[in-house]
Amino acid sequence: MGDSYSEELYSSGDNLGDQHLNKRNSPVSDSSEEIRKAAEECLLSSSSTLDVSRKNIKHLTEEMYRLPNIKYLHLEGNVISTLPEDLFQKLPHLVWLDLRYNKIKALPPGIGFHSSHFRAAWVSVAVC
């Protein structure tokens, strides 16, 4: 299951009726501000997808936890090195997590056990 499979799942997902909020490649001065803006848009549109890929994000902020119904979280191409241990408790509906091209050193304990719908194979991490 290479990148073509990931891209197919990414583009089709399970959310055909949802708006896809793509925040890729827009200029960023502050990663927490970028997450805040994207989270706000996601709340307003009732989307189940949050895409903050390639935003030079170093860590996840509390803003993301305001989105407990998020199913698809795209964090690809950032500089995230750690994930909060309570990530999956605060985002209980998460079924897709894209962490490719980050600086992840370790994954939180219990990854994938929060939901029977989460697919661990979909977690794409290059552990440094």
C-alpha atoms as a PDB file:
ATOM      1  CA  MET A   1       0.000   0.000   0.000  1.00  0.00           C
ATOM      2  CA  GLY A   2       2.116   2.822  -1.289  1.00  0.00           C
ATOM      3  CA  ASP A   3       1.431   6.465  -1.844  1.00  0.00           C
ATOM      4  CA  SER A   4      -0.998   5.804  -4.709  1.00  0.00           C
ATOM      5  CA  TYR A   5      -3.270   3.891  -2.325  1.00  0.00           C
ATOM      6  CA  SER A   6      -2.964   6.678   0.246  1.00  0.00           C
ATOM      7  CA  GLU A   7      -3.762   9.320  -2.349  1.00  0.00           C
ATOM      8  CA  GLU A   8      -6.792   7.331  -3.537  1.00  0.00           C
ATOM      9  CA  LEU A   9      -8.102   7.071   0.013  1.00  0.00           C
ATOM     10  CA  TYR A  10      -7.213  10.687   0.630  1.00  0.00           C
ATOM     11  CA  SER A  11      -9.155  11.911  -2.378  1.00  0.00           C
ATOM     12  CA  SER A  12     -12.188   9.668  -1.969  1.00  0.00           C
ATOM     13  CA  GLY A  13     -12.274   9.156   1.794  1.00  0.00           C
ATOM     14  CA  ASP A  14     -15.495   8.263   3.494  1.00  0.00           C
ATOM     15  CA  ASN A  15     -16.846  11.782   3.291  1.00  0.00           C
ATOM     16  CA  LEU A  16     -18.303  12.275  -0.165  1.00  0.00           C
ATOM     17  CA  GLY A  17     -20.733  14.937   1.029  1.00  0.00           C
ATOM     18  CA  ASP A  18     -18.189  16.881   3.067  1.00  0.00           C
ATOM     19  CA  GLN A  19     -16.319  19.911   1.949  1.00  0.00           C
ATOM     20  CA  HIS A  20     -12.611  19.215   1.862  1.00  0.00           C
ATOM     21  CA  LEU A  21     -10.645  21.988   3.489  1.00  0.00           C
ATOM     22  CA  ASN A  22      -7.281  22.015   1.811  1.00  0.00           C
ATOM     23  CA  LYS A  23      -4.852  24.362   3.483  1.00  0.00           C
ATOM     24  CA  ARG A  24      -1.771  23.269   1.567  1.00  0.00           C
ATOM     25  CA  ASN A  25       0.925  25.621   0.377  1.00  0.00           C
ATOM     26  CA  SER A  26      -0.456  28.864   1.771  1.00  0.00           C
ATOM     27  CA  PRO A  27       1.992  31.241   3.444  1.00  0.00           C
ATOM     28  CA  VAL A  28       2.304  30.839   7.195  1.00  0.00           C
ATOM     29  CA  SER A  29       3.783  33.077   9.816  1.00  0.00           C
ATOM     30  CA  ASP A  30       2.635  31.138  12.887  1.00  0.00           C
ATOM     31  CA  SER A  31       1.677  27.461  12.864  1.00  0.00           C
ATOM     32  CA  SER A  32      -0.710  27.812  15.817  1.00  0.00           C
ATOM     33  CA  GLU A  33      -2.528  30.610  13.991  1.00  0.00           C
ATOM     34  CA  GLU A  34      -2.743  28.433  10.877  1.00  0.00           C
ATOM     35  CA  ILE A  35      -4.269  25.583  12.872  1.00  0.00           C
ATOM     36  CA  ARG A  36      -6.691  27.995  14.558  1.00  0.00           C
ATOM     37  CA  LYS A  37      -7.905  29.351  11.216  1.00  0.00           C
ATOM     38  CA  ALA A  38      -8.268  25.901   9.663  1.00  0.00           C
ATOM     39  CA  ALA A  39     -10.077  24.578  12.752  1.00  0.00           C
ATOM     40  CA  GLU A  40     -12.475  27.519  12.699  1.00  0.00           C
ATOM     41  CA  GLU A  41     -13.279  26.954   9.011  1.00  0.00           C
ATOM     42  CA  CYS A  42     -13.761  23.266   9.678  1.00  0.00           C
ATOM     43  CA  LEU A  43     -16.213  24.002  12.501  1.00  0.00           C
ATOM     44  CA  LEU A  44     -18.185  26.459  10.370  1.00  0.00           C
ATOM     45  CA  SER A  45     -18.483  24.052   7.446  1.00  0.00           C
ATOM     46  CA  SER A  46     -19.118  20.923   9.554  1.00  0.00           C
ATOM     47  CA  SER A  47     -16.394  19.151   7.595  1.00  0.00           C
ATOM     48  CA  SER A  48     -14.928  15.918   8.930  1.00  0.00           C
ATOM     49  CA  THR A  49     -11.584  16.628   7.227  1.00  0.00           C
ATOM     50  CA  LEU A  50      -8.844  18.923   8.449  1.00  0.00           C
ATOM     51  CA  ASP A  51      -5.848  19.398   6.179  1.00  0.00           C
ATOM     52  CA  VAL A  52      -2.970  21.437   7.552  1.00  0.00           C
ATOM     53  CA  SER A  53      -0.285  19.750   5.477  1.00  0.00           C
ATOM     54  CA  ARG A  54       2.975  21.531   4.647  1.00  0.00           C
ATOM     55  CA  LYS A  55       2.507  24.368   7.132  1.00  0.00           C
ATOM     56  CA  ASN A  56       5.771  24.094   9.071  1.00  0.00           C
ATOM     57  CA  ILE A  57       3.778  23.002  12.135  1.00  0.00           C
ATOM     58  CA  LYS A  58       6.012  21.968  15.024  1.00  0.00           C
ATOM     59  CA  HIS A  59       3.356  20.750  17.457  1.00  0.00           C
ATOM     60  CA  LEU A  60      -0.374  20.252  17.679  1.00  0.00           C
ATOM     61  CA  THR A  61      -2.369  22.915  19.470  1.00  0.00           C
ATOM     62  CA  GLU A  62      -5.485  22.877  21.623  1.00  0.00           C
ATOM     63  CA  GLU A  63      -7.410  24.327  18.652  1.00  0.00           C
ATOM     64  CA  MET A  64      -7.456  20.901  17.042  1.00  0.00           C
ATOM     65  CA  TYR A  65      -9.241  19.437  20.040  1.00  0.00           C
ATOM     66  CA  ARG A  66     -12.197  21.729  19.390  1.00  0.00           C
ATOM     67  CA  LEU A  67     -12.940  19.367  16.496  1.00  0.00           C
ATOM     68  CA  PRO A  68     -13.934  16.105  18.202  1.00  0.00           C
ATOM     69  CA  ASN A  69     -15.824  14.888  15.113  1.00  0.00           C
ATOM     70  CA  ILE A  70     -12.801  15.029  12.826  1.00  0.00           C
ATOM     71  CA  LYS A  71     -12.330  11.771  10.919  1.00  0.00           C
ATOM     72  CA  TYR A  72      -9.519  12.709   8.544  1.00  0.00           C
ATOM     73  CA  LEU A  73      -6.489  14.614   9.802  1.00  0.00           C
ATOM     74  CA  HIS A  74      -3.772  15.510   7.298  1.00  0.00           C
ATOM     75  CA  LEU A  75      -0.516  16.700   8.876  1.00  0.00           C
ATOM     76  CA  GLU A  76       1.848  15.588   6.116  1.00  0.00           C
ATOM     77  CA  GLY A  77       4.993  17.601   5.402  1.00  0.00           C
ATOM     78  CA  ASN A  78       5.352  19.460   8.700  1.00  0.00           C
ATOM     79  CA  VAL A  79       8.083  19.322  11.355  1.00  0.00           C
ATOM     80  CA  ILE A  80       6.113  17.587  14.106  1.00  0.00           C
ATOM     81  CA  SER A  81       8.371  15.498  16.352  1.00  0.00           C
ATOM     82  CA  THR A  82       5.925  14.354  19.038  1.00  0.00           C
ATOM     83  CA  LEU A  83       2.226  13.688  19.338  1.00  0.00           C
ATOM     84  CA  PRO A  84       0.209  14.297  22.503  1.00  0.00           C
ATOM     85  CA  GLU A  85      -0.529  11.075  24.379  1.00  0.00           C
ATOM     86  CA  ASP A  86      -4.198  12.032  24.594  1.00  0.00           C
ATOM     87  CA  LEU A  87      -4.562  12.724  20.853  1.00  0.00           C
ATOM     88  CA  PHE A  88      -6.862   9.760  20.265  1.00  0.00           C
ATOM     89  CA  GLN A  89      -8.961  10.384  23.358  1.00  0.00           C
ATOM     90  CA  LYS A  90      -9.586  13.974  22.285  1.00  0.00           C
ATOM     91  CA  LEU A  91     -10.248  13.002  18.659  1.00  0.00           C
ATOM     92  CA  PRO A  92     -12.245   9.793  19.174  1.00  0.00           C
ATOM     93  CA  HIS A  93     -13.688   9.615  15.640  1.00  0.00           C
ATOM     94  CA  LEU A  94     -10.326   9.792  13.874  1.00  0.00           C
ATOM     95  CA  VAL A  95     -10.012   7.123  11.173  1.00  0.00           C
ATOM     96  CA  TRP A  96      -7.233   8.623   9.029  1.00  0.00           C
ATOM     97  CA  LEU A  97      -4.031  10.231  10.235  1.00  0.00           C
ATOM     98  CA  ASP A  98      -1.404  11.304   7.714  1.00  0.00           C
ATOM     99  CA  LEU A  99       1.937  11.994   9.380  1.00  0.00           C
ATOM    100  CA  ARG A 100       4.197  11.410   6.387  1.00  0.00           C
ATOM    101  CA  TYR A 101       7.298  13.581   6.124  1.00  0.00           C
ATOM    102  CA  ASN A 102       7.432  14.764   9.728  1.00  0.00           C
ATOM    103  CA  LYS A 103      10.065  14.227  12.403  1.00  0.00           C
ATOM    104  CA  ILE A 104       8.080  11.835  14.580  1.00  0.00           C
ATOM    105  CA  LYS A 105      10.285  10.157  17.178  1.00  0.00           C
ATOM    106  CA  ALA A 106       7.617   7.983  18.822  1.00  0.00           C
ATOM    107  CA  LEU A 107       3.928   7.260  18.516  1.00  0.00           C
ATOM    108  CA  PRO A 108       1.557   7.581  21.474  1.00  0.00           C
ATOM    109  CA  PRO A 109       0.718   4.337  23.283  1.00  0.00           C
ATOM    110  CA  GLY A 110      -2.513   2.739  22.151  1.00  0.00           C
ATOM    111  CA  ILE A 111      -2.439   4.185  18.636  1.00  0.00           C
ATOM    112  CA  GLY A 112      -5.334   2.702  16.723  1.00  0.00           C
ATOM    113  CA  PHE A 113      -7.051   1.160  19.732  1.00  0.00           C
ATOM    114  CA  HIS A 114      -9.400   4.099  20.283  1.00  0.00           C
ATOM    115  CA  SER A 115     -11.706   3.104  17.439  1.00  0.00           C
ATOM    116  CA  SER A 116     -12.538  -0.080  15.591  1.00  0.00           C
ATOM    117  CA  HIS A 117     -12.664   1.996  12.388  1.00  0.00           C
ATOM    118  CA  PHE A 118      -9.124   3.391  12.626  1.00  0.00           C
ATOM    119  CA  ARG A 119      -6.758   1.765  10.187  1.00  0.00           C
ATOM    120  CA  ALA A 120      -3.230   1.569  11.513  1.00  0.00           C
ATOM    121  CA  ALA A 121      -2.023   0.847   7.983  1.00  0.00           C
ATOM    122  CA  TRP A 122      -3.172   4.325   7.069  1.00  0.00           C
ATOM    123  CA  VAL A 123      -0.782   5.878   9.538  1.00  0.00           C
ATOM    124  CA  SER A 124       2.170   6.637   7.362  1.00  0.00           C
ATOM    125  CA  VAL A 125       5.159   7.613   9.486  1.00  0.00           C
ATOM    126  CA  ALA A 126       8.844   7.734   8.742  1.00  0.00           C
ATOM    127  CA  VAL A 127      10.209   7.364  12.262  1.00  0.00           C
ATOM    128  CA  CYS A 128      13.586   9.056  12.530  1.00  0.00           C
END
